[in-house]
Protein backbone atom coordinates (compact mmCIF):
# COMPACT_ATOMS: atom_id res chain seq x y z
CA MET A 1 0.00 0.00 0.00
CA THR A 2 1.38 3.44 -0.93
CA LYS A 3 1.74 5.41 2.26
CA LYS A 4 1.16 8.83 0.73
CA ILE A 5 -2.10 7.62 -0.79
CA PHE A 6 -3.28 6.17 2.50
CA ILE A 7 -1.97 9.02 4.63
CA LEU A 8 -4.66 11.49 3.58
CA ALA A 9 -7.39 8.96 2.88
CA ALA A 10 -9.42 9.91 5.92
CA LEU A 11 -9.37 13.55 4.86
CA VAL A 12 -11.02 12.73 1.57
CA ASN A 13 -14.24 12.25 3.44
CA LEU A 14 -14.23 15.89 4.48
CA PHE A 15 -15.10 16.65 0.88
CA ALA A 16 -17.98 14.22 1.08
CA LEU A 17 -19.65 16.42 3.69
CA SER A 18 -20.30 19.03 1.05
CA SER A 19 -22.30 16.43 -0.85
CA PHE A 20 -24.62 15.43 2.00
CA ASN A 21 -27.43 17.41 3.52
CA GLY A 22 -28.32 17.42 7.18
CA GLN A 23 -24.85 16.84 8.63
CA SER A 24 -24.42 18.49 12.02
CA GLN A 25 -21.80 21.16 12.49
CA THR A 26 -20.41 19.09 15.34
CA LEU A 27 -19.56 16.22 13.00
CA THR A 28 -17.92 18.69 10.65
CA ASP A 29 -15.86 20.00 13.55
CA ALA A 30 -14.84 16.49 14.55
CA ILE A 31 -13.65 15.79 11.02
CA ARG A 32 -11.75 19.06 10.92
CA LEU A 33 -9.97 18.08 14.14
CA MET A 34 -9.05 14.79 12.50
CA GLN A 35 -7.94 16.70 9.42
CA SER A 36 -5.67 18.84 11.58
CA GLU A 37 -4.27 15.67 13.19
CA GLN A 38 -5.59 16.54 16.64
CA PHE A 39 -6.64 12.97 17.17
CA ASP A 40 -7.35 12.97 20.89
CA ASN A 41 -9.67 15.95 20.51
CA ALA A 42 -11.18 14.47 17.34
CA LYS A 43 -12.00 11.21 19.11
CA LYS A 44 -13.69 13.12 21.94
CA ALA A 45 -15.69 15.09 19.40
CA PHE A 46 -16.79 11.94 17.57
CA LYS A 47 -17.91 10.41 20.84
CA THR A 48 -19.91 13.55 21.59
CA VAL A 49 -21.61 13.34 18.20
CA ILE A 50 -22.43 9.67 18.69
CA THR A 51 -23.83 10.35 22.16
CA LYS A 52 -26.11 13.04 20.75
CA GLU A 53 -26.91 11.20 17.52
CA PRO A 54 -26.57 7.47 18.20
CA ARG A 55 -28.07 6.59 14.81
CA ASN A 56 -25.79 8.84 12.75
CA GLY A 57 -23.98 6.23 10.65
CA ASP A 58 -21.67 8.78 9.07
CA ALA A 59 -20.30 9.68 12.51
CA TYR A 60 -19.30 6.06 13.12
CA PHE A 61 -17.74 5.84 9.68
CA TYR A 62 -15.58 8.92 10.12
CA PHE A 63 -14.66 7.82 13.62
CA GLY A 64 -13.32 4.58 12.15
CA GLN A 65 -11.46 6.58 9.51
CA CYS A 66 -9.93 8.67 12.28
CA TYR A 67 -8.26 5.61 13.79
CA LEU A 68 -6.79 4.49 10.47
CA TYR A 69 -5.53 7.98 9.74
CA SER A 70 -3.95 8.33 13.19
CA PHE A 71 -1.88 5.21 12.49
CA ILE A 72 -0.51 6.63 9.25
CA VAL A 73 0.38 9.94 10.86
CA ASP A 74 1.87 8.31 13.96
CA SER A 75 2.83 4.78 12.99
CA LEU A 76 5.65 5.00 15.51
CA SER A 77 3.18 4.89 18.41
CA TYR A 78 0.50 2.62 17.01
CA THR A 79 0.34 -0.63 15.11
CA LEU A 80 -1.99 -1.22 12.20
CA ASP A 81 -3.57 -4.10 14.10
CA GLU A 82 -4.44 -1.83 17.02
CA VAL A 83 -6.07 0.90 14.95
CA ALA A 84 -7.74 -1.60 12.63
CA ASP A 85 -9.46 -3.23 15.59
CA SER A 86 -10.72 0.15 16.84
CA ALA A 87 -11.81 1.19 13.36
CA TYR A 88 -13.59 -2.14 12.90
CA PHE A 89 -15.42 -1.61 16.20
CA TYR A 90 -16.89 1.71 15.09
CA TYR A 91 -17.66 0.54 11.58
CA LYS A 92 -19.49 -2.41 13.09
CA LYS A 93 -21.39 -0.17 15.52
CA GLY A 94 -22.29 2.00 12.55
CA THR A 95 -23.84 -0.91 10.69
CA GLU A 96 -25.91 -1.72 13.78
CA SER A 97 -26.97 1.85 14.56
CA ASP A 98 -27.66 2.92 10.98
CA GLN A 99 -28.37 -0.30 9.13
CA LEU A 100 -29.15 1.40 5.81
CA ASN A 101 -25.90 3.40 5.64
CA PRO A 102 -23.52 1.71 3.15
CA LEU A 103 -20.34 3.55 4.17
CA ASN A 104 -19.67 1.52 7.30
CA PHE A 105 -19.90 -1.70 5.30
CA THR A 106 -17.22 -0.33 2.95
CA GLY A 107 -15.13 0.34 6.07
CA LEU A 108 -15.60 -3.22 7.30
CA GLY A 109 -14.62 -4.51 3.89
CA LYS A 110 -11.45 -2.48 3.91
CA ILE A 111 -10.49 -3.81 7.35
CA GLU A 112 -10.98 -7.37 6.09
CA LEU A 113 -8.73 -6.62 3.13
CA LEU A 114 -6.10 -5.35 5.56
CA LYS A 115 -6.43 -8.64 7.41
CA LYS A 116 -6.11 -10.48 4.08
CA ASN A 117 -9.65 -11.84 4.31
CA ALA A 118 -10.69 -11.18 0.70
CA VAL A 119 -13.85 -13.31 0.86
CA ASP A 120 -15.17 -11.53 3.96
CA ALA A 121 -14.23 -8.18 2.42
CA LYS A 122 -16.35 -8.93 -0.66
CA THR A 123 -19.26 -9.92 1.58
CA HIS A 124 -19.19 -6.50 3.23
CA PHE A 125 -18.78 -4.67 -0.08
CA ASP A 126 -21.70 -6.62 -1.54
CA LYS A 127 -23.79 -5.67 1.47
CA ALA A 128 -22.95 -1.98 0.96
CA ILE A 129 -23.98 -2.21 -2.70
CA SER A 130 -27.19 -4.04 -1.81
CA LEU A 131 -28.31 -1.00 0.19
CA LEU A 132 -28.12 1.26 -2.85
CA PRO A 133 -31.18 1.94 -5.03
CA SER A 134 -31.74 -0.82 -7.58
CA LYS A 135 -34.51 -2.80 -9.25
CA THR A 136 -34.68 -5.00 -6.17
CA ASN A 137 -34.28 -2.12 -3.72
CA LYS A 138 -36.52 0.60 -5.10
CA ASN A 139 -37.31 2.06 -1.68
CA SER A 140 -33.72 3.11 -0.92
CA GLU A 141 -33.44 6.83 -0.27
CA ILE A 142 -29.67 7.02 -0.49
CA SER A 143 -28.63 10.04 -2.55
CA LYS A 144 -26.73 9.70 -5.80
CA ALA A 145 -23.79 11.45 -4.21
CA LYS A 146 -23.58 8.84 -1.48
CA GLN A 147 -24.09 6.04 -3.97
CA ALA A 148 -21.15 7.31 -6.01
CA LEU A 149 -19.01 7.68 -2.89
CA THR A 150 -19.86 4.12 -1.82
CA TYR A 151 -18.54 2.70 -5.08
CA ALA A 152 -15.54 5.02 -4.87
CA LYS A 153 -14.69 3.86 -1.34
CA ILE A 154 -14.77 0.22 -2.47
CA ALA A 155 -12.53 1.09 -5.42
CA GLU A 156 -10.20 2.95 -3.06
CA ALA A 157 -9.99 -0.01 -0.66
CA TYR A 158 -8.93 -2.41 -3.40
CA ALA A 159 -6.36 0.05 -4.79
CA GLN A 160 -4.83 0.90 -1.43
CA VAL A 161 -4.79 -2.50 0.23
CA THR A 162 -4.57 -4.92 -2.67
CA PRO A 163 -2.99 -3.02 -5.59
CA SER A 164 -2.68 -6.32 -7.43
CA GLN A 165 -6.45 -6.08 -7.91
CA MET A 166 -6.40 -2.80 -9.84
CA LYS A 167 -8.81 -4.26 -12.39
CA GLU A 168 -11.35 -4.68 -9.59
CA SER A 169 -10.62 -1.17 -8.37
CA TYR A 170 -11.16 0.41 -11.79
CA ALA A 171 -14.44 -1.47 -12.23
CA PHE A 172 -15.90 0.07 -9.06
CA LEU A 173 -14.39 3.45 -9.93
CA GLN A 174 -16.28 3.41 -13.26
CA LEU A 175 -19.51 2.73 -11.36
CA ALA A 176 -18.80 5.75 -9.16
CA GLN A 177 -17.96 7.98 -12.13
CA ALA A 178 -21.12 6.94 -13.96
CA TYR A 179 -23.13 9.18 -11.61
CA ALA A 180 -21.22 12.24 -12.92
CA ILE A 181 -21.42 13.80 -9.48
CA PRO A 182 -19.18 16.91 -9.14
CA ASP A 183 -17.87 15.69 -5.81
CA PRO A 184 -14.24 16.55 -4.93
CA ALA A 185 -14.01 13.30 -2.94
CA ILE A 186 -14.57 11.24 -6.08
CA TYR A 187 -11.84 13.08 -7.94
CA ILE A 188 -9.44 12.74 -5.02
CA ILE A 189 -10.05 9.00 -4.82
CA THR A 190 -9.72 8.72 -8.61
CA GLY A 191 -6.40 10.52 -8.44
CA ASP A 192 -5.23 8.22 -5.66
CA ILE A 193 -6.10 5.14 -7.69
CA TYR A 194 -4.29 6.42 -10.78
CA LEU A 195 -1.28 7.22 -8.64
CA GLU A 196 -1.28 3.76 -7.10
CA ASP A 197 -1.30 2.39 -10.65
CA GLY A 198 1.73 4.51 -11.53
CA ASP A 199 -0.15 7.06 -13.65
CA ALA A 200 0.93 10.37 -12.11
CA THR A 201 -0.36 12.43 -15.05
CA ASN A 202 -3.98 11.35 -14.61
CA ALA A 203 -3.60 11.54 -10.85
CA ILE A 204 -2.64 15.22 -11.10
CA LEU A 205 -5.51 15.93 -13.52
CA ASN A 206 -8.03 14.54 -11.06
CA TYR A 207 -6.50 16.35 -8.09
CA LYS A 208 -6.75 19.60 -10.04
CA LYS A 209 -10.44 18.94 -10.72
CA ALA A 210 -10.97 18.40 -7.01
CA GLN A 211 -9.17 21.68 -6.32
CA GLU A 212 -11.44 23.53 -8.75
CA LEU A 213 -14.53 22.16 -7.02
CA LEU A 214 -13.27 22.97 -3.54
CA PRO A 215 -10.75 25.82 -3.87
CA ASN A 216 -10.71 26.57 -0.14
CA SER A 217 -9.22 23.15 0.71
CA PRO A 218 -5.43 22.62 0.63
CA LEU A 219 -5.71 18.84 0.29
CA ALA A 220 -5.43 18.53 -3.49
CA LYS A 221 -2.42 20.85 -3.58
CA ILE A 222 -0.71 18.71 -0.95
CA LYS A 223 -1.38 15.56 -2.91
CA ILE A 224 0.09 17.04 -6.08
CA GLY A 225 3.11 18.16 -4.10
CA ASN A 226 3.53 14.66 -2.73
CA ILE A 227 3.61 13.26 -6.26
CA TYR A 228 6.70 15.34 -6.95
CA VAL A 229 8.21 14.33 -3.61
CA ARG A 230 7.58 10.72 -4.53
CA GLY A 231 9.36 11.33 -7.84
CA ARG A 232 12.27 12.95 -5.95
CA ASN A 233 11.61 16.27 -7.65
CA LEU A 234 11.58 18.17 -4.39
CA LYS A 235 12.01 21.58 -5.97
CA ALA A 236 8.85 21.11 -8.04
CA ALA A 237 6.89 20.06 -4.94
CA ILE A 238 7.57 23.20 -2.92
CA PRO A 239 5.23 25.58 -4.85
CA TYR A 240 2.27 23.25 -4.31
CA PHE A 241 2.90 23.05 -0.58
CA GLU A 242 3.30 26.83 -0.46
CA GLU A 243 0.00 27.25 -2.33
CA ALA A 244 -1.62 24.91 0.21
CA GLN A 245 -0.27 27.10 2.99
CA ALA A 246 -1.66 30.18 1.25
CA ILE A 247 -5.10 28.56 0.99
CA ASP A 248 -5.17 27.75 4.69
CA PRO A 249 -2.23 29.09 6.74
CA ASN A 250 -3.58 27.29 9.80
CA PHE A 251 -3.70 23.84 8.23
CA ALA A 252 -1.14 22.01 10.35
CA PRO A 253 -0.38 18.94 8.16
CA VAL A 254 1.02 21.01 5.29
CA TYR A 255 3.80 22.23 7.55
CA ARG A 256 4.58 18.63 8.44
CA GLU A 257 4.71 17.78 4.74
CA MET A 258 7.04 20.70 4.12
CA GLY A 259 9.17 19.62 7.06
CA GLU A 260 9.49 16.11 5.69
CA LEU A 261 10.39 17.50 2.27
CA TYR A 262 13.18 19.63 3.74
CA ILE A 263 14.50 16.65 5.71
CA LYS A 264 14.75 14.73 2.44
CA SER A 265 16.60 17.64 0.84
CA GLY A 266 18.98 17.99 3.77
CA SER A 267 17.70 21.46 4.74
CA ASN A 268 17.46 20.66 8.42
CA GLU A 269 16.89 24.19 9.71
CA LYS A 270 13.94 24.74 7.37
CA ALA A 271 12.65 21.31 8.32
CA LYS A 272 12.72 22.20 12.01
CA GLU A 273 11.01 25.54 11.34
CA ASN A 274 8.13 23.82 9.57
CA PHE A 275 7.77 21.09 12.17
CA SER A 276 7.77 23.74 14.89
CA LYS A 277 4.88 25.50 13.12
CA PHE A 278 3.12 22.16 12.69
CA LEU A 279 3.42 21.55 16.42
CA GLU A 280 2.11 25.00 17.25
CA LEU A 281 -0.95 24.64 14.99
CA SER A 282 -1.63 21.15 16.37
CA ASN A 283 -1.99 22.61 19.87
CA LYS A 284 1.03 20.52 20.88
CA ASN A 285 -1.02 17.33 21.09
CA ILE A 286 1.02 14.24 21.85
CA ALA A 287 0.88 12.83 18.30
CA ALA A 288 2.19 16.10 16.88
CA ARG A 289 4.79 16.35 19.63
CA ILE A 290 6.09 12.89 18.78
CA LYS A 291 6.28 13.78 15.08
CA TYR A 292 8.17 16.94 15.99
CA ILE A 293 10.64 15.07 18.19
CA TYR A 294 11.12 12.42 15.52
CA ALA A 295 11.83 15.17 12.99
CA LEU A 296 14.46 16.60 15.33
CA PHE A 297 16.03 13.15 15.43
CA LEU A 298 16.07 12.89 11.64
CA CYS A 299 17.69 16.33 11.58
CA LYS A 300 20.34 14.94 13.95
CA ASP A 301 19.47 17.52 16.59
CA TYR A 302 19.92 14.89 19.30
CA ASN A 303 20.36 17.27 22.22
CA ASN A 304 17.07 18.99 21.41
CA VAL A 305 15.41 15.58 21.11
CA LEU A 306 16.44 14.84 24.69
CA VAL A 307 15.23 18.25 25.89
CA GLN A 308 11.83 17.70 24.28
CA VAL A 309 11.54 14.10 25.53
CA ASN A 310 12.35 15.08 29.09
CA GLU A 311 9.80 17.90 28.94
CA VAL A 312 7.12 15.40 27.94
CA PHE A 313 8.24 12.87 30.55
CA ALA A 314 8.02 15.54 33.26
CA THR A 315 4.22 15.31 33.01
CA ASP A 316 3.56 12.10 31.09
CA ASN A 317 5.94 9.16 30.66
CA SER A 318 3.42 6.86 29.00
CA SER A 319 4.73 7.30 25.45
CA ILE A 320 6.82 4.26 24.71
CA ILE A 321 8.13 5.63 21.43
CA LEU A 322 9.82 8.51 23.24
CA ASN A 323 11.92 6.02 25.21
CA ARG A 324 13.11 4.70 21.87
CA LEU A 325 14.03 8.15 20.57
CA ALA A 326 15.70 8.99 23.89
CA GLY A 327 17.76 5.81 23.73
CA TYR A 328 18.83 6.52 20.16
CA SER A 329 19.71 10.14 20.98
CA TYR A 330 21.61 9.32 24.15
CA PHE A 331 23.72 6.96 22.05
CA GLU A 332 24.35 9.62 19.41
CA THR A 333 25.50 12.01 22.16
CA ALA A 334 27.83 9.37 23.65
CA LYS A 335 25.78 8.98 26.86
CA TYR A 336 25.83 5.21 26.69
CA GLU A 337 24.65 4.39 30.22
CA ASP A 338 21.61 6.66 29.78
CA ALA A 339 21.05 5.16 26.34
CA LYS A 340 20.94 1.66 27.81
CA LYS A 341 18.52 2.72 30.56
CA SER A 342 16.13 4.25 28.03
CA MET A 343 16.28 1.24 25.74
CA ASP A 344 15.77 -1.16 28.65
CA ILE A 345 12.61 0.76 29.59
CA PHE A 346 11.51 0.66 25.96
CA PHE A 347 12.03 -3.10 25.65
CA ASN A 348 10.27 -3.77 28.97
CA LYS A 349 7.20 -1.76 27.92
CA THR A 350 7.01 -2.83 24.30
CA LYS A 351 5.40 -5.90 22.83
CA SER A 352 7.79 -7.98 20.76
CA ASP A 353 5.87 -7.33 17.55
CA ARG A 354 6.38 -3.57 18.04
CA ILE A 355 10.15 -3.86 18.22
CA ILE A 356 11.82 -2.93 14.94
CA SER A 357 15.23 -3.71 13.51
CA SER A 358 16.78 -0.39 14.46
CA ASP A 359 15.85 -0.96 18.13
CA TYR A 360 18.05 -4.03 18.31
CA ALA A 361 20.72 -2.36 16.16
CA TYR A 362 20.99 0.65 18.46
CA TYR A 363 20.95 -1.61 21.50
CA GLY A 364 23.82 -3.59 19.99
CA ARG A 365 25.81 -0.41 19.41
CA ILE A 366 25.17 0.67 22.99
CA GLN A 367 26.26 -2.72 24.33
CA SER A 368 29.43 -2.60 22.25
CA LYS A 369 30.31 0.86 23.55
CA LEU A 370 29.81 -0.43 27.08
CA GLY A 371 32.23 -3.28 26.42
CA SER A 372 29.77 -6.13 25.85
CA ASP A 373 30.64 -7.11 22.30
CA SER A 374 29.27 -10.66 22.60
CA LEU A 375 25.88 -9.34 23.71
CA ALA A 376 26.08 -6.70 21.00
CA VAL A 377 26.46 -9.38 18.33
CA GLU A 378 23.34 -11.12 19.65
CA SER A 379 21.42 -7.86 19.34
CA PHE A 380 22.72 -7.30 15.82
CA TYR A 381 21.60 -10.78 14.79
CA LYS A 382 18.11 -9.95 16.13
CA ALA A 383 18.16 -6.73 14.14
CA ILE A 384 19.08 -8.62 10.97
CA ALA A 385 16.28 -11.13 11.58
CA LYS A 386 13.82 -8.23 11.82
CA ASP A 387 14.99 -6.68 8.57
CA THR A 388 16.87 -8.93 6.16
CA THR A 389 17.04 -6.09 3.60
CA ASN A 390 19.23 -3.86 5.77
CA TYR A 391 22.53 -4.72 4.14
CA ASP A 392 24.42 -1.94 5.94
CA LEU A 393 23.63 -3.78 9.15
CA LEU A 394 25.37 -6.88 7.76
CA THR A 395 28.55 -4.86 7.40
CA GLU A 396 28.26 -3.43 10.89
CA THR A 397 27.70 -6.88 12.38
CA ALA A 398 30.49 -8.46 10.35
CA ASN A 399 32.96 -5.82 11.52
CA LEU A 400 32.05 -6.47 15.14
CA LEU A 401 32.46 -10.19 14.57
CA THR A 402 35.86 -9.50 13.04
CA LYS A 403 36.80 -7.53 16.13
CA GLN A 404 35.94 -10.62 18.20
CA LYS A 405 37.95 -12.79 15.78
CA ARG A 406 34.78 -14.64 14.76
CA ASN A 407 36.03 -14.49 11.20
CA ASN A 408 33.99 -17.33 9.72
CA GLU A 409 30.73 -15.70 10.79
CA ALA A 410 31.87 -12.37 9.41
CA ILE A 411 32.78 -13.98 6.09
CA VAL A 412 29.27 -15.44 5.82
CA LEU A 413 27.69 -11.99 6.21
CA PHE A 414 30.00 -10.29 3.73
CA ASN A 415 29.47 -13.07 1.19
CA LYS A 416 25.71 -12.68 1.55
CA LYS A 417 26.03 -9.04 0.56
CA ILE A 418 28.25 -9.94 -2.37
CA ASN A 419 26.00 -12.79 -3.55
CA ASP A 420 22.92 -10.57 -3.29
CA GLY A 421 24.62 -7.87 -5.33
CA LYS A 422 24.48 -5.40 -2.44
CA ALA A 423 28.14 -5.15 -1.51
CA SER A 424 29.80 -1.74 -1.58
CA ALA A 425 33.48 -1.17 -2.28
CA ILE A 426 34.33 -0.98 1.41
CA ASP A 427 32.81 -4.43 1.98
CA TYR A 428 35.40 -5.91 -0.37
CA TYR A 429 38.10 -4.13 1.58
CA TYR A 430 36.85 -5.40 4.94
CA LEU A 431 36.57 -8.96 3.65
CA SER A 432 40.04 -8.71 2.14
CA LYS A 433 41.33 -7.62 5.53
CA ILE A 434 39.74 -10.68 7.17
CA TYR A 435 41.48 -13.08 4.78
CA ASN A 436 44.74 -11.25 5.27
CA ASN A 437 44.34 -11.60 9.05
CA LEU A 438 43.62 -15.31 8.64
CA TYR A 439 46.88 -15.60 6.72
CA LEU A 440 48.75 -13.81 9.51
CA GLN A 441 47.26 -16.20 12.07
CA LEU A 442 48.50 -19.18 10.09
CA ALA A 443 51.89 -17.58 9.61
CA SER A 444 52.30 -17.29 13.37
CA ILE A 445 51.92 -21.05 13.87
CA LYS A 446 55.31 -22.71 14.45
CA ASP A 447 54.31 -26.30 13.79
CA TYR A 448 56.91 -27.34 11.19
CA SER A 449 55.32 -30.79 10.79
CA LYS A 450 52.40 -29.04 9.10
CA ILE A 451 54.40 -26.39 7.28
CA ASP A 452 53.35 -27.46 3.78
CA SER A 453 49.63 -27.43 4.55
CA LEU A 454 49.96 -24.16 6.44
CA VAL A 455 51.75 -22.50 3.54
CA LYS A 456 49.18 -23.80 1.07
CA ARG A 457 46.26 -22.63 3.14
CA GLY A 458 47.94 -19.30 3.84
CA THR A 459 48.52 -18.75 0.13
CA GLU A 460 44.83 -19.43 -0.54
CA PHE A 461 43.89 -16.78 2.01
CA LEU A 462 46.29 -14.29 0.46
CA ILE A 463 44.97 -14.89 -3.06
CA LYS A 464 41.42 -14.28 -1.84
CA ALA A 465 42.54 -11.18 0.01
CA ASP A 466 44.32 -9.94 -3.11
CA THR A 467 41.30 -10.49 -5.37
CA LEU A 468 38.95 -8.74 -2.95
CA CYS A 469 41.30 -5.82 -2.46
CA GLY A 470 41.52 -5.54 -6.23
CA SER A 471 37.72 -5.30 -6.39
CA PHE A 472 37.84 -2.52 -3.81
CA LEU A 473 40.49 -0.59 -5.77
CA ALA A 474 38.49 -1.00 -8.97
CA GLU A 475 36.00 1.43 -7.42
CA GLN A 476 38.33 3.35 -5.09
CA SER A 477 41.52 3.52 -7.13
CA THR A 478 43.11 6.31 -5.09
CA SER A 479 42.34 4.92 -1.65
CA MET A 480 45.52 4.86 0.42
CA GLN A 481 44.21 2.08 2.67
CA GLY A 482 43.43 -0.01 -0.40
CA LEU A 483 46.74 0.66 -2.11
CA GLN A 484 48.70 -0.09 1.04
CA ARG A 485 46.70 -3.23 1.81
CA ARG A 486 47.21 -4.65 -1.66
CA ALA A 487 50.92 -3.83 -1.59
CA GLN A 488 51.22 -5.69 1.72
CA ILE A 489 49.36 -8.69 0.32
CA LYS A 490 51.55 -8.79 -2.78
CA ALA A 491 54.61 -8.59 -0.56
CA ALA A 492 53.35 -11.55 1.49
CA LEU A 493 52.85 -13.54 -1.73
CA ASP A 494 56.46 -12.79 -2.64
CA PRO A 495 58.34 -13.03 0.67
CA ASP A 496 61.76 -13.43 -0.96
CA PHE A 497 61.27 -10.36 -3.20
CA LYS A 498 62.20 -12.53 -6.19
CA SER A 499 59.27 -11.59 -8.38
CA GLY A 500 58.83 -8.04 -7.18
CA LEU A 501 55.04 -8.55 -7.04
CA ALA A 502 54.57 -5.69 -4.61
CA LYS A 503 56.82 -3.22 -6.44
CA PRO A 504 54.19 -1.56 -8.70
CA PHE A 505 51.80 -1.31 -5.79
CA TYR A 506 54.31 0.23 -3.41
CA GLU A 507 55.18 2.66 -6.19
CA LYS A 508 51.54 3.82 -6.13
CA VAL A 509 51.61 4.02 -2.34
CA LEU A 510 54.81 6.06 -2.48
CA GLU A 511 53.40 8.39 -5.14
CA LYS A 512 50.31 9.12 -3.08
CA ALA A 513 52.26 9.38 0.18
CA GLN A 514 54.64 11.96 -1.28
CA SER A 515 51.64 14.19 -2.02
CA ASP A 516 51.24 14.71 1.73
CA SER A 517 54.29 13.47 3.60
CA VAL A 518 52.95 14.65 6.96
CA LYS A 519 49.64 12.80 6.65
CA TYR A 520 51.20 9.67 5.18
CA THR A 521 54.40 9.40 7.21
CA LYS A 522 53.89 5.75 8.12
CA GLU A 523 53.06 4.81 4.54
CA LEU A 524 56.20 6.57 3.31
CA MET A 525 58.39 4.67 5.74
CA GLU A 526 56.79 1.34 4.85
CA SER A 527 57.35 2.03 1.14
CA TYR A 528 60.97 3.04 1.74
CA ASP A 529 61.52 -0.13 3.74
CA TYR A 530 60.11 -2.29 0.93
CA PHE A 531 62.28 -0.63 -1.74
CA ALA A 532 65.36 -0.84 0.47
CA TRP A 533 64.97 -4.59 0.77
CA TYR A 534 63.88 -5.02 -2.86
CA ASN A 535 67.00 -3.26 -4.12
CA TYR A 536 69.20 -5.22 -1.73
CA THR A 537 67.83 -8.72 -2.38
CA THR A 538 66.58 -8.59 -5.97
CA THR A 539 68.56 -6.03 -7.97
CA GLN A 540 71.58 -5.87 -5.65
CA ASN A 541 71.48 -2.13 -6.10
CA TYR A 542 73.05 -1.33 -2.76
CA VAL A 543 73.29 2.40 -3.42
CA GLN A 544 69.52 2.55 -3.86
CA SER A 545 69.03 0.36 -0.82
CA LYS A 546 71.15 2.66 1.32
CA MET A 547 69.31 5.70 -0.03
CA TYR A 548 65.93 4.35 1.09
CA TYR A 549 67.19 3.49 4.56
CA ASN A 550 68.62 6.96 4.90
CA ARG A 551 65.23 8.39 3.92
CA ILE A 552 63.69 6.39 6.75
CA LEU A 553 66.23 7.84 9.17
CA ALA A 554 65.50 11.34 7.87
CA ILE A 555 61.92 10.85 9.05
CA ASP A 556 62.73 8.82 12.15
CA PRO A 557 66.37 9.24 13.26
CA LYS A 558 65.91 6.62 15.98
CA ASN A 559 64.59 3.93 13.67
CA VAL A 560 66.34 0.79 14.92
CA LYS A 561 65.64 -1.33 11.84
CA ALA A 562 67.12 1.20 9.44
CA LYS A 563 70.20 1.79 11.61
CA LYS A 564 70.84 -1.92 11.91
CA ALA A 565 70.36 -2.48 8.18
CA LEU A 566 72.93 0.19 7.31
CA VAL A 567 75.43 -1.39 9.65
CA GLU A 568 74.89 -4.93 8.46
CA LEU A 569 74.69 -4.31 4.74
CA PRO A 570 77.71 -5.92 2.99
CA LYS A 571 80.66 -3.58 2.55
CA LEU A 572 80.41 -3.71 -1.20
CA LYS A 573 81.64 -1.21 -3.71
CA GLY A 574 79.73 1.99 -3.72
CA LEU A 575 78.00 1.33 -0.42
């Protein structure tokens, strides 16, 4: 389901009010509170309407919509299952209190689709249709506007929840359009369906028609803006959001949309400005406050996140999600003990199905910083199990495993990235480093009875390390760490300097190191050391050998190895 289609779905029904006669102002107010994302106040208003008008089926329908919409706006605090159950309750009550109102049956059908109960969904949709005027139901007094909206809501449900059934969605949409009702809600839903089907052009055309019919609503402008955001054309989206603000400067959600756009574009200060305005216009209700704090986190304003969280906790510590954001932010500000306390509270209060991959990932990072690498690995494995598509997490876990010398496990994770075509250049470097370390471990073994097998296995490790480092350099050809690593590997493959395998690679290291001799002092000395030995053992160019050792001493006059080499070099001519 496309989030941006679903996110404003509840608001579409505000347009429908203009099509119905006899709606109370109180219901309109309740919907406007929902529209402004003041969900606690909206729910109170809906309950007031229902108390006064217990047979008002539309009130139950919009109340159910309110729950679904609150999930989309604040999916950090709620689960779809939770809001779906509440929405189902009010849709069901609506069918009992106003048995001839088809809208609540469309709501029940949508909930069943969300629960993947297609047969039950069709039963509810068929019931809604059976209430409309027909040859067998001539006494129905349902207006044409509501008939059209009923078909449109069924079409919308199929498009949003089961986009694979677009044929079904279009069939119901045609039934809705056949009434030729100039209802903005129908055009909005039509635009949503086209957008879900990947037809942005027709989506925009329908949103513009809705705007023409209801020029004092910012909704259509926002939806057009979101199309451009979805297409990553953020610059083109801004004018539509600004026009929405001009239509209704007090419409809170448009500032949230603008804030999210600026976060995507990296304009964090503008993002925070818009989210601050969103919070102000939302009367600082808890849902808006959480969105604001989450925006601060995305803007990497971690200290302000903690200020805001602690302000909320001073009067109300019931929001579980804020413990998550506090834990994340304490970690980012290097307050690891506080981070662990916040995450422990979060885990203790949260159901297992509400825990997401990043919760375990952050907990693993916290544990590692506190010196518990083994526990951290366990947390990282849990994070991977929660989200197998987070390939960056594979790298992070593999590097921690490498630190613990659990090389075989690390190799498995890196190979998964490579086999899945998700490996970055640095992954090849890290894996190359592992194989090089495995070679060094074998080289340190002094069991001469197994020398042949050890050499063979060590050579295999070096060849793998060399190939992987080559893959890294193919993408990062000027990387000093890559150049140096490959030179070292080549040197290990040619320990007697006979073939000079490492020579061209140390030449590249030396060339780069000479560009900044202060930054690359160690690399210079390593290169000089290689060429000193290469000239001594392979070319017998003792003058060159002495020159390189003297260069080492020029950098480090106390270098024991260079001093000793100059003393012990044969007293040959020219030396």
